[in-house]
């Protein structure tokens, strides 16, 4: 079996501030192909000083729409997070699992709440 691939978030983002969805998307674009190849990925947040859920939703949350949560639990390891950041990641994962379990219902509820902009 191949050794896990370590992705350093600092190398992808180029900063210790992880706040934008665009940066999160770039990280997602690095993670997804590796998981598609059934490789194990270690995602290192070492050195990251600022991290918000917008970034985590783009980088990690959307993976739950592509892969079963069991695969992500087994093949994606996250390291180097502070306690507050672990809590934020846990919430992102919880929300992603809920959303992707019933996306049409969540989308309809959103449309009902804010109106249909289409």
PDB file of N, CA and C in Angstrom:
ATOM      1  N   UNK A   1       0.837  -1.182   0.000  1.00  0.00           N
ATOM      2  CA  UNK A   1       0.000   0.000   0.000  1.00  0.00           C
ATOM      3  C   UNK A   1       0.883   1.247   0.000  1.00  0.00           C
ATOM      4  N   UNK A   2       0.481   2.239  -0.746  1.00  0.00           N
ATOM      5  CA  UNK A   2       1.254   3.478  -0.868  1.00  0.00           C
ATOM      6  C   UNK A   2       1.226   4.264   0.442  1.00  0.00           C
ATOM      7  N   UNK A   3       2.300   4.985   0.663  1.00  0.00           N
ATOM      8  CA  UNK A   3       2.379   5.865   1.826  1.00  0.00           C
ATOM      9  C   UNK A   3       1.372   6.996   1.662  1.00  0.00           C
ATOM     10  N   UNK A   4       0.829   7.493   2.778  1.00  0.00           N
ATOM     11  CA  UNK A   4      -0.088   8.641   2.676  1.00  0.00           C
ATOM     12  C   UNK A   4       0.634   9.855   2.086  1.00  0.00           C
ATOM     13  N   UNK A   5      -0.121  10.658   1.392  1.00  0.00           N
ATOM     14  CA  UNK A   5       0.408  11.894   0.805  1.00  0.00           C
ATOM     15  C   UNK A   5       0.075  13.031   1.756  1.00  0.00           C
ATOM     16  N   UNK A   6       1.074  13.795   2.147  1.00  0.00           N
ATOM     17  CA  UNK A   6       0.854  14.933   3.032  1.00  0.00           C
ATOM     18  C   UNK A   6       0.734  16.202   2.200  1.00  0.00           C
ATOM     19  N   UNK A   7      -0.336  16.924   2.440  1.00  0.00           N
ATOM     20  CA  UNK A   7      -0.554  18.228   1.816  1.00  0.00           C
ATOM     21  C   UNK A   7      -0.449  19.271   2.909  1.00  0.00           C
ATOM     22  N   UNK A   8       0.497  20.173   2.747  1.00  0.00           N
ATOM     23  CA  UNK A   8       0.638  21.282   3.690  1.00  0.00           C
ATOM     24  C   UNK A   8      -0.230  22.437   3.202  1.00  0.00           C
ATOM     25  N   UNK A   9      -1.198  22.816   4.012  1.00  0.00           N
ATOM     26  CA  UNK A   9      -2.131  23.877   3.640  1.00  0.00           C
ATOM     27  C   UNK A   9      -1.370  25.159   3.316  1.00  0.00           C
ATOM     28  N   UNK A  10      -0.336  25.460   4.087  1.00  0.00           N
ATOM     29  CA  UNK A  10       0.460  26.667   3.826  1.00  0.00           C
ATOM     30  C   UNK A  10       1.026  26.676   2.409  1.00  0.00           C
ATOM     31  N   UNK A  11       1.411  25.515   1.898  1.00  0.00           N
ATOM     32  CA  UNK A  11       1.968  25.439   0.546  1.00  0.00           C
ATOM     33  C   UNK A  11       0.920  25.744  -0.515  1.00  0.00           C
ATOM     34  N   UNK A  12      -0.319  25.377  -0.268  1.00  0.00           N
ATOM     35  CA  UNK A  12      -1.395  25.595  -1.242  1.00  0.00           C
ATOM     36  C   UNK A  12      -1.904  27.030  -1.163  1.00  0.00           C
ATOM     37  N   UNK A  13      -2.140  27.495   0.052  1.00  0.00           N
ATOM     38  CA  UNK A  13      -2.726  28.821   0.253  1.00  0.00           C
ATOM     39  C   UNK A  13      -1.673  29.916   0.102  1.00  0.00           C
ATOM     40  N   UNK A  14      -0.453  29.612   0.489  1.00  0.00           N
ATOM     41  CA  UNK A  14       0.609  30.603   0.406  1.00  0.00           C
ATOM     42  C   UNK A  14       0.561  31.621   1.525  1.00  0.00           C
ATOM     43  N   UNK A  15      -0.187  31.305   2.571  1.00  0.00           N
ATOM     44  CA  UNK A  15      -0.359  32.218   3.696  1.00  0.00           C
ATOM     45  C   UNK A  15      -0.788  31.407   4.910  1.00  0.00           C
ATOM     46  N   UNK A  16      -0.632  32.004   6.090  1.00  0.00           N
ATOM     47  CA  UNK A  16      -1.119  31.340   7.301  1.00  0.00           C
ATOM     48  C   UNK A  16      -2.537  31.776   7.649  1.00  0.00           C
ATOM     49  N   UNK A  17      -3.189  32.451   6.700  1.00  0.00           N
ATOM     50  CA  UNK A  17      -4.565  32.913   6.883  1.00  0.00           C
ATOM     51  C   UNK A  17      -5.444  32.176   5.873  1.00  0.00           C
ATOM     52  N   UNK A  18      -6.344  31.346   6.373  1.00  0.00           N
ATOM     53  CA  UNK A  18      -7.219  30.523   5.527  1.00  0.00           C
ATOM     54  C   UNK A  18      -8.662  30.976   5.732  1.00  0.00           C
ATOM     55  N   UNK A  19      -9.074  31.942   4.921  1.00  0.00           N
ATOM     56  CA  UNK A  19     -10.408  32.514   5.114  1.00  0.00           C
ATOM     57  C   UNK A  19     -11.258  32.518   3.849  1.00  0.00           C
ATOM     58  N   UNK A  20     -10.663  32.409   2.676  1.00  0.00           N
ATOM     59  CA  UNK A  20     -11.461  32.565   1.461  1.00  0.00           C
ATOM     60  C   UNK A  20     -11.915  31.223   0.895  1.00  0.00           C
ATOM     61  N   UNK A  21     -13.099  31.251   0.299  1.00  0.00           N
ATOM     62  CA  UNK A  21     -13.621  30.060  -0.379  1.00  0.00           C
ATOM     63  C   UNK A  21     -12.739  29.701  -1.573  1.00  0.00           C
ATOM     64  N   UNK A  22     -12.163  30.697  -2.226  1.00  0.00           N
ATOM     65  CA  UNK A  22     -11.282  30.427  -3.372  1.00  0.00           C
ATOM     66  C   UNK A  22     -10.049  29.634  -2.974  1.00  0.00           C
ATOM     67  N   UNK A  23      -9.441  30.000  -1.845  1.00  0.00           N
ATOM     68  CA  UNK A  23      -8.302  29.232  -1.352  1.00  0.00           C
ATOM     69  C   UNK A  23      -8.741  27.834  -0.936  1.00  0.00           C
ATOM     70  N   UNK A  24      -9.915  27.741  -0.319  1.00  0.00           N
ATOM     71  CA  UNK A  24     -10.441  26.426   0.052  1.00  0.00           C
ATOM     72  C   UNK A  24     -10.678  25.559  -1.168  1.00  0.00           C
ATOM     73  N   UNK A  25     -11.168  26.177  -2.250  1.00  0.00           N
ATOM     74  CA  UNK A  25     -11.399  25.434  -3.487  1.00  0.00           C
ATOM     75  C   UNK A  25     -10.087  24.919  -4.071  1.00  0.00           C
ATOM     76  N   UNK A  26      -9.036  25.716  -4.003  1.00  0.00           N
ATOM     77  CA  UNK A  26      -7.725  25.265  -4.491  1.00  0.00           C
ATOM     78  C   UNK A  26      -7.243  24.051  -3.699  1.00  0.00           C
ATOM     79  N   UNK A  27      -7.483  24.073  -2.394  1.00  0.00           N
ATOM     80  CA  UNK A  27      -7.098  22.932  -1.570  1.00  0.00           C
ATOM     81  C   UNK A  27      -7.937  21.706  -1.929  1.00  0.00           C
ATOM     82  N   UNK A  28      -9.246  21.890  -2.075  1.00  0.00           N
ATOM     83  CA  UNK A  28     -10.141  20.810  -2.507  1.00  0.00           C
ATOM     84  C   UNK A  28      -9.636  20.198  -3.824  1.00  0.00           C
ATOM     85  N   UNK A  29      -9.233  21.069  -4.761  1.00  0.00           N
ATOM     86  CA  UNK A  29      -8.762  20.602  -6.064  1.00  0.00           C
ATOM     87  C   UNK A  29      -7.484  19.776  -5.961  1.00  0.00           C
ATOM     88  N   UNK A  30      -6.742  19.910  -4.881  1.00  0.00           N
ATOM     89  CA  UNK A  30      -5.559  19.075  -4.642  1.00  0.00           C
ATOM     90  C   UNK A  30      -5.934  17.756  -3.964  1.00  0.00           C
ATOM     91  N   UNK A  31      -6.903  17.810  -3.048  1.00  0.00           N
ATOM     92  CA  UNK A  31      -7.295  16.636  -2.266  1.00  0.00           C
ATOM     93  C   UNK A  31      -8.087  15.642  -3.101  1.00  0.00           C
ATOM     94  N   UNK A  32      -9.092  16.120  -3.818  1.00  0.00           N
ATOM     95  CA  UNK A  32     -10.040  15.235  -4.502  1.00  0.00           C
ATOM     96  C   UNK A  32      -9.382  14.244  -5.459  1.00  0.00           C
ATOM     97  N   UNK A  33      -8.464  14.677  -6.334  1.00  0.00           N
ATOM     98  CA  UNK A  33      -7.866  13.695  -7.247  1.00  0.00           C
ATOM     99  C   UNK A  33      -7.095  12.589  -6.523  1.00  0.00           C
ATOM    100  N   UNK A  34      -6.500  12.919  -5.406  1.00  0.00           N
ATOM    101  CA  UNK A  34      -5.776  11.901  -4.637  1.00  0.00           C
ATOM    102  C   UNK A  34      -6.746  10.879  -4.052  1.00  0.00           C
ATOM    103  N   UNK A  35      -7.857  11.373  -3.510  1.00  0.00           N
ATOM    104  CA  UNK A  35      -8.874  10.456  -2.978  1.00  0.00           C
ATOM    105  C   UNK A  35      -9.516   9.645  -4.099  1.00  0.00           C
ATOM    106  N   UNK A  36      -9.680  10.274  -5.284  1.00  0.00           N
ATOM    107  CA  UNK A  36     -10.200   9.537  -6.447  1.00  0.00           C
ATOM    108  C   UNK A  36      -9.313   8.338  -6.780  1.00  0.00           C
ATOM    109  N   UNK A  37      -8.012   8.471  -6.519  1.00  0.00           N
ATOM    110  CA  UNK A  37      -7.056   7.394  -6.798  1.00  0.00           C
ATOM    111  C   UNK A  37      -6.921   6.435  -5.616  1.00  0.00           C
ATOM    112  N   UNK A  38      -7.799   6.581  -4.629  1.00  0.00           N
ATOM    113  CA  UNK A  38      -7.796   5.743  -3.431  1.00  0.00           C
ATOM    114  C   UNK A  38      -6.508   5.865  -2.630  1.00  0.00           C
ATOM    115  N   UNK A  39      -5.911   7.047  -2.669  1.00  0.00           N
ATOM    116  CA  UNK A  39      -4.737   7.306  -1.854  1.00  0.00           C
ATOM    117  C   UNK A  39      -5.173   7.892  -0.522  1.00  0.00           C
ATOM    118  N   UNK A  40      -4.372   7.678   0.476  1.00  0.00           N
ATOM    119  CA  UNK A  40      -4.626   8.278   1.789  1.00  0.00           C
ATOM    120  C   UNK A  40      -3.951   9.638   1.822  1.00  0.00           C
ATOM    121  N   UNK A  41      -4.660  10.612   2.412  1.00  0.00           N
ATOM    122  CA  UNK A  41      -4.185  11.981   2.426  1.00  0.00           C
ATOM    123  C   UNK A  41      -4.104  12.480   3.861  1.00  0.00           C
ATOM    124  N   UNK A  42      -2.981  13.095   4.182  1.00  0.00           N
ATOM    125  CA  UNK A  42      -2.825  13.796   5.455  1.00  0.00           C
ATOM    126  C   UNK A  42      -2.824  15.279   5.124  1.00  0.00           C
ATOM    127  N   UNK A  43      -3.744  15.992   5.709  1.00  0.00           N
ATOM    128  CA  UNK A  43      -3.884  17.427   5.481  1.00  0.00           C
ATOM    129  C   UNK A  43      -3.328  18.151   6.698  1.00  0.00           C
ATOM    130  N   UNK A  44      -2.176  18.808   6.515  1.00  0.00           N
ATOM    131  CA  UNK A  44      -1.491  19.458   7.629  1.00  0.00           C
ATOM    132  C   UNK A  44      -1.801  20.952   7.675  1.00  0.00           C
ATOM    133  N   UNK A  45      -2.388  21.371   8.789  1.00  0.00           N
ATOM    134  CA  UNK A  45      -2.681  22.781   9.020  1.00  0.00           C
ATOM    135  C   UNK A  45      -1.608  23.428   9.891  1.00  0.00           C
ATOM    136  N   UNK A  46      -0.487  22.758  10.064  1.00  0.00           N
ATOM    137  CA  UNK A  46       0.580  23.305  10.893  1.00  0.00           C
ATOM    138  C   UNK A  46       0.992  24.675  10.369  1.00  0.00           C
ATOM    139  N   UNK A  47       1.046  25.645  11.268  1.00  0.00           N
ATOM    140  CA  UNK A  47       1.446  26.999  10.913  1.00  0.00           C
ATOM    141  C   UNK A  47       0.304  27.911  10.521  1.00  0.00           C
ATOM    142  N   UNK A  48      -0.895  27.352  10.334  1.00  0.00           N
ATOM    143  CA  UNK A  48      -2.059  28.184  10.004  1.00  0.00           C
ATOM    144  C   UNK A  48      -2.495  28.904  11.275  1.00  0.00           C
ATOM    145  N   UNK A  49      -2.644  30.208  11.181  1.00  0.00           N
ATOM    146  CA  UNK A  49      -3.018  31.007  12.347  1.00  0.00           C
ATOM    147  C   UNK A  49      -4.487  31.404  12.359  1.00  0.00           C
ATOM    148  N   UNK A  50      -5.051  31.618  11.180  1.00  0.00           N
ATOM    149  CA  UNK A  50      -6.456  32.018  11.097  1.00  0.00           C
ATOM    150  C   UNK A  50      -7.163  31.075  10.140  1.00  0.00           C
ATOM    151  N   UNK A  51      -8.274  30.501  10.606  1.00  0.00           N
ATOM    152  CA  UNK A  51      -9.025  29.520   9.830  1.00  0.00           C
ATOM    153  C   UNK A  51     -10.503  29.742  10.094  1.00  0.00           C
ATOM    154  N   UNK A  52     -11.302  29.856   9.026  1.00  0.00           N
ATOM    155  CA  UNK A  52     -12.741  30.035   9.221  1.00  0.00           C
ATOM    156  C   UNK A  52     -13.518  28.993   8.417  1.00  0.00           C
ATOM    157  N   UNK A  53     -14.798  28.881   8.749  1.00  0.00           N
ATOM    158  CA  UNK A  53     -15.623  27.833   8.151  1.00  0.00           C
ATOM    159  C   UNK A  53     -15.821  28.017   6.648  1.00  0.00           C
ATOM    160  N   UNK A  54     -15.779  29.238   6.138  1.00  0.00           N
ATOM    161  CA  UNK A  54     -15.912  29.444   4.694  1.00  0.00           C
ATOM    162  C   UNK A  54     -14.833  28.661   3.951  1.00  0.00           C
ATOM    163  N   UNK A  55     -13.613  28.748   4.432  1.00  0.00           N
ATOM    164  CA  UNK A  55     -12.498  28.008   3.862  1.00  0.00           C
ATOM    165  C   UNK A  55     -12.719  26.506   4.011  1.00  0.00           C
ATOM    166  N   UNK A  56     -13.096  26.079   5.205  1.00  0.00           N
ATOM    167  CA  UNK A  56     -13.283  24.645   5.472  1.00  0.00           C
ATOM    168  C   UNK A  56     -14.431  24.057   4.655  1.00  0.00           C
ATOM    169  N   UNK A  57     -15.501  24.822   4.466  1.00  0.00           N
ATOM    170  CA  UNK A  57     -16.619  24.339   3.645  1.00  0.00           C
ATOM    171  C   UNK A  57     -16.161  24.037   2.227  1.00  0.00           C
ATOM    172  N   UNK A  58     -15.380  24.953   1.663  1.00  0.00           N
ATOM    173  CA  UNK A  58     -14.899  24.753   0.294  1.00  0.00           C
ATOM    174  C   UNK A  58     -13.863  23.644   0.217  1.00  0.00           C
ATOM    175  N   UNK A  59     -12.946  23.615   1.166  1.00  0.00           N
ATOM    176  CA  UNK A  59     -11.840  22.655   1.114  1.00  0.00           C
ATOM    177  C   UNK A  59     -12.258  21.240   1.478  1.00  0.00           C
ATOM    178  N   UNK A  60     -13.071  21.116   2.514  1.00  0.00           N
ATOM    179  CA  UNK A  60     -13.382  19.790   3.059  1.00  0.00           C
ATOM    180  C   UNK A  60     -14.871  19.463   2.978  1.00  0.00           C
ATOM    181  N   UNK A  61     -15.717  20.418   3.286  1.00  0.00           N
ATOM    182  CA  UNK A  61     -17.155  20.155   3.325  1.00  0.00           C
ATOM    183  C   UNK A  61     -17.692  19.569   2.040  1.00  0.00           C
ATOM    184  N   UNK A  62     -17.274  20.123   0.906  1.00  0.00           N
ATOM    185  CA  UNK A  62     -17.818  19.630  -0.359  1.00  0.00           C
ATOM    186  C   UNK A  62     -17.337  18.225  -0.721  1.00  0.00           C
ATOM    187  N   UNK A  63     -16.291  17.748  -0.066  1.00  0.00           N
ATOM    188  CA  UNK A  63     -15.869  16.360  -0.292  1.00  0.00           C
ATOM    189  C   UNK A  63     -16.980  15.380   0.087  1.00  0.00           C
ATOM    190  N   UNK A  64     -17.825  15.773   1.043  1.00  0.00           N
ATOM    191  CA  UNK A  64     -18.910  14.905   1.491  1.00  0.00           C
ATOM    192  C   UNK A  64     -20.018  14.767   0.446  1.00  0.00           C
ATOM    193  N   UNK A  65     -19.996  15.616  -0.562  1.00  0.00           N
ATOM    194  CA  UNK A  65     -20.929  15.480  -1.668  1.00  0.00           C
ATOM    195  C   UNK A  65     -20.420  14.544  -2.747  1.00  0.00           C
ATOM    196  N   UNK A  66     -19.146  14.162  -2.653  1.00  0.00           N
ATOM    197  CA  UNK A  66     -18.499  13.328  -3.665  1.00  0.00           C
ATOM    198  C   UNK A  66     -18.178  11.936  -3.134  1.00  0.00           C
ATOM    199  N   UNK A  67     -17.780  11.867  -1.874  1.00  0.00           N
ATOM    200  CA  UNK A  67     -17.335  10.610  -1.281  1.00  0.00           C
ATOM    201  C   UNK A  67     -18.198  10.246  -0.075  1.00  0.00           C
ATOM    202  N   UNK A  68     -18.372   8.948   0.175  1.00  0.00           N
ATOM    203  CA  UNK A  68     -19.058   8.530   1.404  1.00  0.00           C
ATOM    204  C   UNK A  68     -18.244   8.952   2.628  1.00  0.00           C
ATOM    205  N   UNK A  69     -18.946   9.270   3.696  1.00  0.00           N
ATOM    206  CA  UNK A  69     -18.225   9.750   4.885  1.00  0.00           C
ATOM    207  C   UNK A  69     -17.273   8.690   5.440  1.00  0.00           C
ATOM    208  N   UNK A  70     -17.567   7.412   5.220  1.00  0.00           N
ATOM    209  CA  UNK A  70     -16.664   6.358   5.690  1.00  0.00           C
ATOM    210  C   UNK A  70     -15.309   6.436   4.979  1.00  0.00           C
ATOM    211  N   UNK A  71     -15.339   6.721   3.688  1.00  0.00           N
ATOM    212  CA  UNK A  71     -14.083   6.850   2.936  1.00  0.00           C
ATOM    213  C   UNK A  71     -13.280   8.030   3.470  1.00  0.00           C
ATOM    214  N   UNK A  72     -13.952   9.147   3.715  1.00  0.00           N
ATOM    215  CA  UNK A  72     -13.247  10.328   4.215  1.00  0.00           C
ATOM    216  C   UNK A  72     -12.699  10.069   5.618  1.00  0.00           C
ATOM    217  N   UNK A  73     -13.471   9.378   6.430  1.00  0.00           N
ATOM    218  CA  UNK A  73     -12.992   9.036   7.775  1.00  0.00           C
ATOM    219  C   UNK A  73     -11.735   8.175   7.700  1.00  0.00           C
ATOM    220  N   UNK A  74     -11.707   7.250   6.745  1.00  0.00           N
ATOM    221  CA  UNK A  74     -10.594   6.302   6.636  1.00  0.00           C
ATOM    222  C   UNK A  74      -9.397   6.852   5.863  1.00  0.00           C
ATOM    223  N   UNK A  75      -9.647   7.713   4.878  1.00  0.00           N
ATOM    224  CA  UNK A  75      -8.579   8.104   3.949  1.00  0.00           C
ATOM    225  C   UNK A  75      -8.104   9.547   4.083  1.00  0.00           C
ATOM    226  N   UNK A  76      -8.783  10.359   4.876  1.00  0.00           N
ATOM    227  CA  UNK A  76      -8.382  11.755   5.037  1.00  0.00           C
ATOM    228  C   UNK A  76      -8.109  12.029   6.511  1.00  0.00           C
ATOM    229  N   UNK A  77      -6.876  12.393   6.805  1.00  0.00           N
ATOM    230  CA  UNK A  77      -6.472  12.725   8.166  1.00  0.00           C
ATOM    231  C   UNK A  77      -6.114  14.201   8.206  1.00  0.00           C
ATOM    232  N   UNK A  78      -6.619  14.888   9.218  1.00  0.00           N
ATOM    233  CA  UNK A  78      -6.335  16.312   9.392  1.00  0.00           C
ATOM    234  C   UNK A  78      -5.482  16.472  10.639  1.00  0.00           C
ATOM    235  N   UNK A  79      -4.374  17.196  10.497  1.00  0.00           N
ATOM    236  CA  UNK A  79      -3.465  17.420  11.623  1.00  0.00           C
ATOM    237  C   UNK A  79      -3.156  18.908  11.766  1.00  0.00           C
ATOM    238  N   UNK A  80      -2.638  19.259  12.939  1.00  0.00           N
ATOM    239  CA  UNK A  80      -2.139  20.603  13.165  1.00  0.00           C
ATOM    240  C   UNK A  80      -3.177  21.659  13.463  1.00  0.00           C
ATOM    241  N   UNK A  81      -4.370  21.251  13.871  1.00  0.00           N
ATOM    242  CA  UNK A  81      -5.428  22.214  14.183  1.00  0.00           C
ATOM    243  C   UNK A  81      -5.452  22.533  15.676  1.00  0.00           C
ATOM    244  N   UNK A  82      -5.769  23.776  15.983  1.00  0.00           N
ATOM    245  CA  UNK A  82      -6.012  24.182  17.367  1.00  0.00           C
ATOM    246  C   UNK A  82      -7.399  23.699  17.772  1.00  0.00           C
ATOM    247  N   UNK A  83      -7.684  23.690  19.070  1.00  0.00           N
ATOM    248  CA  UNK A  83      -8.962  23.186  19.584  1.00  0.00           C
ATOM    249  C   UNK A  83     -10.150  23.901  18.943  1.00  0.00           C
ATOM    250  N   UNK A  84     -10.099  25.229  18.846  1.00  0.00           N
ATOM    251  CA  UNK A  84     -11.203  25.982  18.236  1.00  0.00           C
ATOM    252  C   UNK A  84     -11.392  25.597  16.773  1.00  0.00           C
ATOM    253  N   UNK A  85     -10.299  25.352  16.085  1.00  0.00           N
ATOM    254  CA  UNK A  85     -10.375  24.984  14.679  1.00  0.00           C
ATOM    255  C   UNK A  85     -10.926  23.575  14.505  1.00  0.00           C
ATOM    256  N   UNK A  86     -10.615  22.686  15.431  1.00  0.00           N
ATOM    257  CA  UNK A  86     -11.192  21.335  15.402  1.00  0.00           C
ATOM    258  C   UNK A  86     -12.705  21.425  15.563  1.00  0.00           C
ATOM    259  N   UNK A  87     -13.154  22.284  16.448  1.00  0.00           N
ATOM    260  CA  UNK A  87     -14.594  22.470  16.644  1.00  0.00           C
ATOM    261  C   UNK A  87     -15.248  23.010  15.369  1.00  0.00           C
ATOM    262  N   UNK A  88     -14.592  23.957  14.705  1.00  0.00           N
ATOM    263  CA  UNK A  88     -15.124  24.501  13.450  1.00  0.00           C
ATOM    264  C   UNK A  88     -15.193  23.410  12.385  1.00  0.00           C
ATOM    265  N   UNK A  89     -14.140  22.593  12.287  1.00  0.00           N
ATOM    266  CA  UNK A  89     -14.131  21.501  11.313  1.00  0.00           C
ATOM    267  C   UNK A  89     -15.227  20.491  11.628  1.00  0.00           C
ATOM    268  N   UNK A  90     -15.407  20.161  12.895  1.00  0.00           N
ATOM    269  CA  UNK A  90     -16.460  19.219  13.276  1.00  0.00           C
ATOM    270  C   UNK A  90     -17.829  19.734  12.851  1.00  0.00           C
ATOM    271  N   UNK A  91     -18.066  21.035  13.008  1.00  0.00           N
ATOM    272  CA  UNK A  91     -19.344  21.625  12.606  1.00  0.00           C
ATOM    273  C   UNK A  91     -19.497  21.603  11.086  1.00  0.00           C
ATOM    274  N   UNK A  92     -18.442  21.907  10.363  1.00  0.00           N
ATOM    275  CA  UNK A  92     -18.482  21.851   8.899  1.00  0.00           C
ATOM    276  C   UNK A  92     -18.818  20.435   8.437  1.00  0.00           C
ATOM    277  N   UNK A  93     -18.187  19.435   9.030  1.00  0.00           N
ATOM    278  CA  UNK A  93     -18.445  18.040   8.653  1.00  0.00           C
ATOM    279  C   UNK A  93     -19.878  17.658   8.985  1.00  0.00           C
ATOM    280  N   UNK A  94     -20.348  18.024  10.162  1.00  0.00           N
ATOM    281  CA  UNK A  94     -21.723  17.712  10.561  1.00  0.00           C
ATOM    282  C   UNK A  94     -22.719  18.331   9.579  1.00  0.00           C
ATOM    283  N   UNK A  95     -22.512  19.596   9.245  1.00  0.00           N
ATOM    284  CA  UNK A  95     -23.416  20.281   8.317  1.00  0.00           C
ATOM    285  C   UNK A  95     -23.336  19.704   6.912  1.00  0.00           C
ATOM    286  N   UNK A  96     -22.138  19.354   6.472  1.00  0.00           N
ATOM    287  CA  UNK A  96     -21.973  18.765   5.137  1.00  0.00           C
ATOM    288  C   UNK A  96     -22.684  17.418   5.051  1.00  0.00           C
ATOM    289  N   UNK A  97     -22.521  16.605   6.070  1.00  0.00           N
ATOM    290  CA  UNK A  97     -23.208  15.302   6.079  1.00  0.00           C
ATOM    291  C   UNK A  97     -24.716  15.495   6.019  1.00  0.00           C
ATOM    292  N   UNK A  98     -25.229  16.429   6.800  1.00  0.00           N
ATOM    293  CA  UNK A  98     -26.674  16.686   6.811  1.00  0.00           C
ATOM    294  C   UNK A  98     -27.130  17.181   5.443  1.00  0.00           C
ATOM    295  N   UNK A  99     -26.433  18.169   4.899  1.00  0.00           N
ATOM    296  CA  UNK A  99     -26.835  18.734   3.612  1.00  0.00           C
ATOM    297  C   UNK A  99     -26.801  17.679   2.511  1.00  0.00           C
ATOM    298  N   UNK A 100     -25.696  16.969   2.387  1.00  0.00           N
ATOM    299  CA  UNK A 100     -25.556  16.028   1.279  1.00  0.00           C
ATOM    300  C   UNK A 100     -26.401  14.767   1.459  1.00  0.00           C
ATOM    301  N   UNK A 101     -26.965  14.570   2.633  1.00  0.00           N
ATOM    302  CA  UNK A 101     -27.893  13.451   2.810  1.00  0.00           C
ATOM    303  C   UNK A 101     -29.264  13.773   2.199  1.00  0.00           C
ATOM    304  N   UNK A 102     -29.590  15.088   2.084  1.00  0.00           N
ATOM    305  CA  UNK A 102     -30.884  15.520   1.523  1.00  0.00           C
ATOM    306  C   UNK A 102     -30.749  16.895   0.854  1.00  0.00           C
ATOM    307  N   UNK A 103     -29.929  17.012  -0.179  1.00  0.00           N
ATOM    308  CA  UNK A 103     -29.664  18.334  -0.755  1.00  0.00           C
ATOM    309  C   UNK A 103     -30.906  19.025  -1.325  1.00  0.00           C
ATOM    310  N   UNK A 104     -31.792  18.276  -1.960  1.00  0.00           N
ATOM    311  CA  UNK A 104     -32.999  18.907  -2.534  1.00  0.00           C
ATOM    312  C   UNK A 104     -33.858  19.532  -1.453  1.00  0.00           C
ATOM    313  N   UNK A 105     -34.004  18.849  -0.345  1.00  0.00           N
ATOM    314  CA  UNK A 105     -34.816  19.385   0.754  1.00  0.00           C
ATOM    315  C   UNK A 105     -34.179  20.643   1.344  1.00  0.00           C
ATOM    316  N   UNK A 106     -32.870  20.619   1.518  1.00  0.00           N
ATOM    317  CA  UNK A 106     -32.184  21.799   2.052  1.00  0.00           C
ATOM    318  C   UNK A 106     -32.259  22.961   1.067  1.00  0.00           C
ATOM    319  N   UNK A 107     -32.063  22.666  -0.228  1.00  0.00           N
ATOM    320  CA  UNK A 107     -32.156  23.726  -1.234  1.00  0.00           C
ATOM    321  C   UNK A 107     -33.558  24.318  -1.282  1.00  0.00           C
ATOM    322  N   UNK A 108     -34.573  23.469  -1.192  1.00  0.00           N
ATOM    323  CA  UNK A 108     -35.948  23.960  -1.209  1.00  0.00           C
ATOM    324  C   UNK A 108     -36.238  24.804   0.027  1.00  0.00           C
ATOM    325  N   UNK A 109     -35.775  24.371   1.173  1.00  0.00           N
ATOM    326  CA  UNK A 109     -35.974  25.146   2.402  1.00  0.00           C
ATOM    327  C   UNK A 109     -35.314  26.514   2.276  1.00  0.00           C
ATOM    328  N   UNK A 110     -34.133  26.551   1.665  1.00  0.00           N
ATOM    329  CA  UNK A 110     -33.443  27.839   1.460  1.00  0.00           C
ATOM    330  C   UNK A 110     -34.252  28.734   0.527  1.00  0.00           C
ATOM    331  N   UNK A 111     -34.746  28.159  -0.576  1.00  0.00           N
ATOM    332  CA  UNK A 111     -35.563  28.931  -1.518  1.00  0.00           C
ATOM    333  C   UNK A 111     -36.827  29.449  -0.838  1.00  0.00           C
ATOM    334  N   UNK A 112     -37.435  28.604  -0.018  1.00  0.00           N
ATOM    335  CA  UNK A 112     -38.646  29.019   0.686  1.00  0.00           C
ATOM    336  C   UNK A 112     -38.352  30.165   1.638  1.00  0.00           C
ATOM    337  N   UNK A 113     -37.172  30.147   2.224  1.00  0.00           N
ATOM    338  CA  UNK A 113     -36.815  31.178   3.206  1.00  0.00           C
ATOM    339  C   UNK A 113     -36.435  32.505   2.563  1.00  0.00           C
ATOM    340  N   UNK A 114     -35.617  32.454   1.506  1.00  0.00           N
ATOM    341  CA  UNK A 114     -35.092  33.690   0.925  1.00  0.00           C
ATOM    342  C   UNK A 114     -35.679  34.012  -0.452  1.00  0.00           C
ATOM    343  N   UNK A 115     -36.455  33.110  -1.007  1.00  0.00           N
ATOM    344  CA  UNK A 115     -37.032  33.346  -2.326  1.00  0.00           C
ATOM    345  C   UNK A 115     -36.198  32.703  -3.399  1.00  0.00           C
ATOM    346  N   UNK A 116     -36.807  32.508  -4.538  1.00  0.00           N
ATOM    347  CA  UNK A 116     -36.139  31.875  -5.671  1.00  0.00           C
ATOM    348  C   UNK A 116     -35.569  32.968  -6.553  1.00  0.00           C
ATOM    349  N   UNK A 117     -34.239  33.023  -6.649  1.00  0.00           N
ATOM    350  CA  UNK A 117     -33.551  34.060  -7.415  1.00  0.00           C
ATOM    351  C   UNK A 117     -33.323  33.666  -8.868  1.00  0.00           C
ATOM    352  N   UNK A 118     -33.741  32.481  -9.274  1.00  0.00           N
ATOM    353  CA  UNK A 118     -33.454  32.017 -10.634  1.00  0.00           C
ATOM    354  C   UNK A 118     -34.303  32.679 -11.651  1.00  0.00           C
TER     355      UNK A 118
END
